[in-house]
Amino acid sequence: VQLQASGGGLVQTGDSLTLSCADSRRTSSNSAVGWFRQAPGKEREFVAAIGWRGSTTRYADSVKDRFTISRDNARNTVHLKMNNLKPEDTAVYYCAVALGSIATKAMDRYRYWGRGTLVTVSS
């Protein structure tokens, strides 16, 4: 699995940004995919996950109602639409492919990780 996250950048508070995760090896089509983030000096944390059919999703409380995860299995791509961004959303965002097909928050259920993309939200 080769995952590549993209779409990060520098934005202002209240702006929107969409991250994309491309799976060039096409092994995520039967697996859940998750987004995680790691802020400077902090541990990596769960952000959102989507099941392999795309019908089930899970979100961290901190991003619920602001972020939306979606997937296009035909293009082996997962997106994270982020609205109303806040300075506390500043982090490196990573996408990961889970061992199973069920969306999960558990980091240890994710086997494959991509390189992250930096999101910086200025106040």
C-alpha atoms as a PDB file:
ATOM      1  CA  VAL A   1       0.000   0.000   0.000  1.00  0.00           C
ATOM      2  CA  GLN A   2       1.316   3.406  -0.901  1.00  0.00           C
ATOM      3  CA  LEU A   3      -0.745   6.207   0.555  1.00  0.00           C
ATOM      4  CA  GLN A   4      -0.246   9.865  -0.183  1.00  0.00           C
ATOM      5  CA  ALA A   5      -2.047  12.589   1.685  1.00  0.00           C
ATOM      6  CA  SER A   6      -2.338  15.971   0.039  1.00  0.00           C
ATOM      7  CA  GLY A   7      -4.240  19.221   0.247  1.00  0.00           C
ATOM      8  CA  GLY A   8      -2.718  20.771   3.338  1.00  0.00           C
ATOM      9  CA  GLY A   9      -1.741  24.396   3.572  1.00  0.00           C
ATOM     10  CA  LEU A  10      -1.939  27.628   5.480  1.00  0.00           C
ATOM     11  CA  VAL A  11      -5.434  28.987   6.066  1.00  0.00           C
ATOM     12  CA  GLN A  12      -7.169  31.408   8.386  1.00  0.00           C
ATOM     13  CA  THR A  13      -9.627  30.682  11.157  1.00  0.00           C
ATOM     14  CA  GLY A  14     -13.020  29.866   9.697  1.00  0.00           C
ATOM     15  CA  ASP A  15     -11.674  28.774   6.330  1.00  0.00           C
ATOM     16  CA  SER A  16     -12.249  25.415   4.690  1.00  0.00           C
ATOM     17  CA  LEU A  17      -9.809  22.889   3.295  1.00  0.00           C
ATOM     18  CA  THR A  18     -10.141  19.469   1.705  1.00  0.00           C
ATOM     19  CA  LEU A  19      -7.520  16.802   2.192  1.00  0.00           C
ATOM     20  CA  SER A  20      -7.169  13.841  -0.130  1.00  0.00           C
ATOM     21  CA  CYS A  21      -5.641  10.435   0.407  1.00  0.00           C
ATOM     22  CA  ALA A  22      -4.659   8.552  -2.725  1.00  0.00           C
ATOM     23  CA  ASP A  23      -3.990   4.838  -2.580  1.00  0.00           C
ATOM     24  CA  SER A  24      -1.795   4.004  -5.533  1.00  0.00           C
ATOM     25  CA  ARG A  25      -1.695   0.267  -4.778  1.00  0.00           C
ATOM     26  CA  ARG A  26      -5.482  -0.068  -4.638  1.00  0.00           C
ATOM     27  CA  THR A  27      -5.526  -2.165  -1.496  1.00  0.00           C
ATOM     28  CA  SER A  28      -7.894   0.024   0.509  1.00  0.00           C
ATOM     29  CA  SER A  29     -11.019  -0.801  -1.477  1.00  0.00           C
ATOM     30  CA  ASN A  30     -12.069  -3.500   1.026  1.00  0.00           C
ATOM     31  CA  SER A  31     -10.759  -1.719   4.084  1.00  0.00           C
ATOM     32  CA  ALA A  32     -11.741   1.151   6.295  1.00  0.00           C
ATOM     33  CA  VAL A  33      -9.659   4.303   5.989  1.00  0.00           C
ATOM     34  CA  GLY A  34      -8.986   6.791   8.707  1.00  0.00           C
ATOM     35  CA  TRP A  35      -7.539  10.234   9.168  1.00  0.00           C
ATOM     36  CA  PHE A  36      -5.359  11.053  12.133  1.00  0.00           C
ATOM     37  CA  ARG A  37      -3.442  14.172  13.093  1.00  0.00           C
ATOM     38  CA  GLN A  38      -0.486  15.109  15.198  1.00  0.00           C
ATOM     39  CA  ALA A  39       0.027  18.599  16.501  1.00  0.00           C
ATOM     40  CA  PRO A  40       3.469  19.821  17.563  1.00  0.00           C
ATOM     41  CA  GLY A  41       4.396  18.365  20.920  1.00  0.00           C
ATOM     42  CA  LYS A  42       1.285  16.207  21.091  1.00  0.00           C
ATOM     43  CA  GLU A  43       0.431  12.598  20.452  1.00  0.00           C
ATOM     44  CA  ARG A  44      -1.205  11.469  17.260  1.00  0.00           C
ATOM     45  CA  GLU A  45      -4.979  11.442  17.560  1.00  0.00           C
ATOM     46  CA  PHE A  46      -7.940  10.076  15.663  1.00  0.00           C
ATOM     47  CA  VAL A  47      -9.894  12.480  13.458  1.00  0.00           C
ATOM     48  CA  ALA A  48     -12.291  10.523  11.249  1.00  0.00           C
ATOM     49  CA  ALA A  49     -12.814   7.118   9.679  1.00  0.00           C
ATOM     50  CA  ILE A  50     -14.958   5.607   6.959  1.00  0.00           C
ATOM     51  CA  GLY A  51     -15.932   2.022   6.323  1.00  0.00           C
ATOM     52  CA  TRP A  52     -15.071   0.364   3.045  1.00  0.00           C
ATOM     53  CA  ARG A  53     -18.554   0.748   1.615  1.00  0.00           C
ATOM     54  CA  GLY A  54     -18.565   4.392   2.566  1.00  0.00           C
ATOM     55  CA  SER A  55     -21.844   4.098   4.457  1.00  0.00           C
ATOM     56  CA  THR A  56     -20.456   4.283   7.986  1.00  0.00           C
ATOM     57  CA  THR A  57     -18.322   7.036   9.404  1.00  0.00           C
ATOM     58  CA  ARG A  58     -16.876   7.968  12.770  1.00  0.00           C
ATOM     59  CA  TYR A  59     -15.550  11.299  14.003  1.00  0.00           C
ATOM     60  CA  ALA A  60     -13.664  12.681  16.926  1.00  0.00           C
ATOM     61  CA  ASP A  61     -15.853  14.917  19.060  1.00  0.00           C
ATOM     62  CA  SER A  62     -13.576  17.849  18.356  1.00  0.00           C
ATOM     63  CA  VAL A  63     -14.308  17.774  14.618  1.00  0.00           C
ATOM     64  CA  LYS A  64     -17.858  16.442  14.522  1.00  0.00           C
ATOM     65  CA  ASP A  65     -20.172  18.739  12.540  1.00  0.00           C
ATOM     66  CA  ARG A  66     -17.164  20.500  10.986  1.00  0.00           C
ATOM     67  CA  PHE A  67     -15.325  17.720   9.141  1.00  0.00           C
ATOM     68  CA  THR A  68     -16.743  15.250   6.627  1.00  0.00           C
ATOM     69  CA  ILE A  69     -14.983  12.115   5.433  1.00  0.00           C
ATOM     70  CA  SER A  70     -15.903  10.515   2.116  1.00  0.00           C
ATOM     71  CA  ARG A  71     -14.420   8.008  -0.287  1.00  0.00           C
ATOM     72  CA  ASP A  72     -14.429   7.230  -3.983  1.00  0.00           C
ATOM     73  CA  ASN A  73     -13.546   3.561  -4.322  1.00  0.00           C
ATOM     74  CA  ALA A  74     -13.455   3.790  -8.101  1.00  0.00           C
ATOM     75  CA  ARG A  75     -10.574   6.256  -7.755  1.00  0.00           C
ATOM     76  CA  ASN A  76      -9.133   4.728  -4.583  1.00  0.00           C
ATOM     77  CA  THR A  77      -9.304   8.093  -2.890  1.00  0.00           C
ATOM     78  CA  VAL A  78     -10.552   9.273   0.476  1.00  0.00           C
ATOM     79  CA  HIS A  79     -11.297  12.906   1.214  1.00  0.00           C
ATOM     80  CA  LEU A  80     -11.559  14.915   4.394  1.00  0.00           C
ATOM     81  CA  LYS A  81     -13.552  18.094   4.002  1.00  0.00           C
ATOM     82  CA  MET A  82     -12.727  20.477   6.825  1.00  0.00           C
ATOM     83  CA  ASN A  83     -14.957  23.467   7.487  1.00  0.00           C
ATOM     84  CA  ASN A  84     -14.752  26.252  10.039  1.00  0.00           C
ATOM     85  CA  LEU A  85     -11.123  25.512  10.783  1.00  0.00           C
ATOM     86  CA  LYS A  86      -9.696  26.578  14.111  1.00  0.00           C
ATOM     87  CA  PRO A  87      -6.104  27.171  15.258  1.00  0.00           C
ATOM     88  CA  GLU A  88      -6.333  23.990  17.320  1.00  0.00           C
ATOM     89  CA  ASP A  89      -6.797  22.036  14.081  1.00  0.00           C
ATOM     90  CA  THR A  90      -3.195  22.859  13.189  1.00  0.00           C
ATOM     91  CA  ALA A  91      -1.367  19.565  12.762  1.00  0.00           C
ATOM     92  CA  VAL A  92       0.148  17.127  10.341  1.00  0.00           C
ATOM     93  CA  TYR A  93      -2.692  15.019   8.999  1.00  0.00           C
ATOM     94  CA  TYR A  94      -2.172  11.371   8.096  1.00  0.00           C
ATOM     95  CA  CYS A  95      -4.384   8.875   6.325  1.00  0.00           C
ATOM     96  CA  ALA A  96      -4.232   5.192   7.131  1.00  0.00           C
ATOM     97  CA  VAL A  97      -5.753   1.931   5.936  1.00  0.00           C
ATOM     98  CA  ALA A  98      -7.307  -0.330   8.553  1.00  0.00           C
ATOM     99  CA  LEU A  99      -6.922  -4.063   8.950  1.00  0.00           C
ATOM    100  CA  GLY A 100     -10.656  -4.541   8.533  1.00  0.00           C
ATOM    101  CA  SER A 101     -13.604  -3.023   6.753  1.00  0.00           C
ATOM    102  CA  ILE A 102     -15.222  -1.389   9.770  1.00  0.00           C
ATOM    103  CA  ALA A 103     -14.572   2.269  10.558  1.00  0.00           C
ATOM    104  CA  THR A 104     -12.723   2.432  13.836  1.00  0.00           C
ATOM    105  CA  LYS A 105     -11.085   5.015  16.067  1.00  0.00           C
ATOM    106  CA  ALA A 106      -8.511   2.552  17.347  1.00  0.00           C
ATOM    107  CA  MET A 107      -5.100   3.517  16.027  1.00  0.00           C
ATOM    108  CA  ASP A 108      -3.727   0.020  16.487  1.00  0.00           C
ATOM    109  CA  ARG A 109      -6.254  -1.251  13.946  1.00  0.00           C
ATOM    110  CA  TYR A 110      -4.539   0.651  11.173  1.00  0.00           C
ATOM    111  CA  ARG A 111      -1.748  -1.104   9.380  1.00  0.00           C
ATOM    112  CA  TYR A 112      -0.724   1.160   6.537  1.00  0.00           C
ATOM    113  CA  TRP A 113       0.126   4.795   6.947  1.00  0.00           C
ATOM    114  CA  GLY A 114       0.823   7.477   4.437  1.00  0.00           C
ATOM    115  CA  ARG A 115       3.031  10.503   4.664  1.00  0.00           C
ATOM    116  CA  GLY A 116       1.270  13.381   6.259  1.00  0.00           C
ATOM    117  CA  THR A 117       0.223  16.767   4.992  1.00  0.00           C
ATOM    118  CA  LEU A 118       0.564  19.873   7.114  1.00  0.00           C
ATOM    119  CA  VAL A 119      -2.444  22.010   7.928  1.00  0.00           C
ATOM    120  CA  THR A 120      -1.778  25.340   9.602  1.00  0.00           C
ATOM    121  CA  VAL A 121      -4.661  27.504  10.772  1.00  0.00           C
ATOM    122  CA  SER A 122      -3.771  31.061  11.698  1.00  0.00           C
ATOM    123  CA  SER A 123      -5.816  33.054  14.183  1.00  0.00           C
END
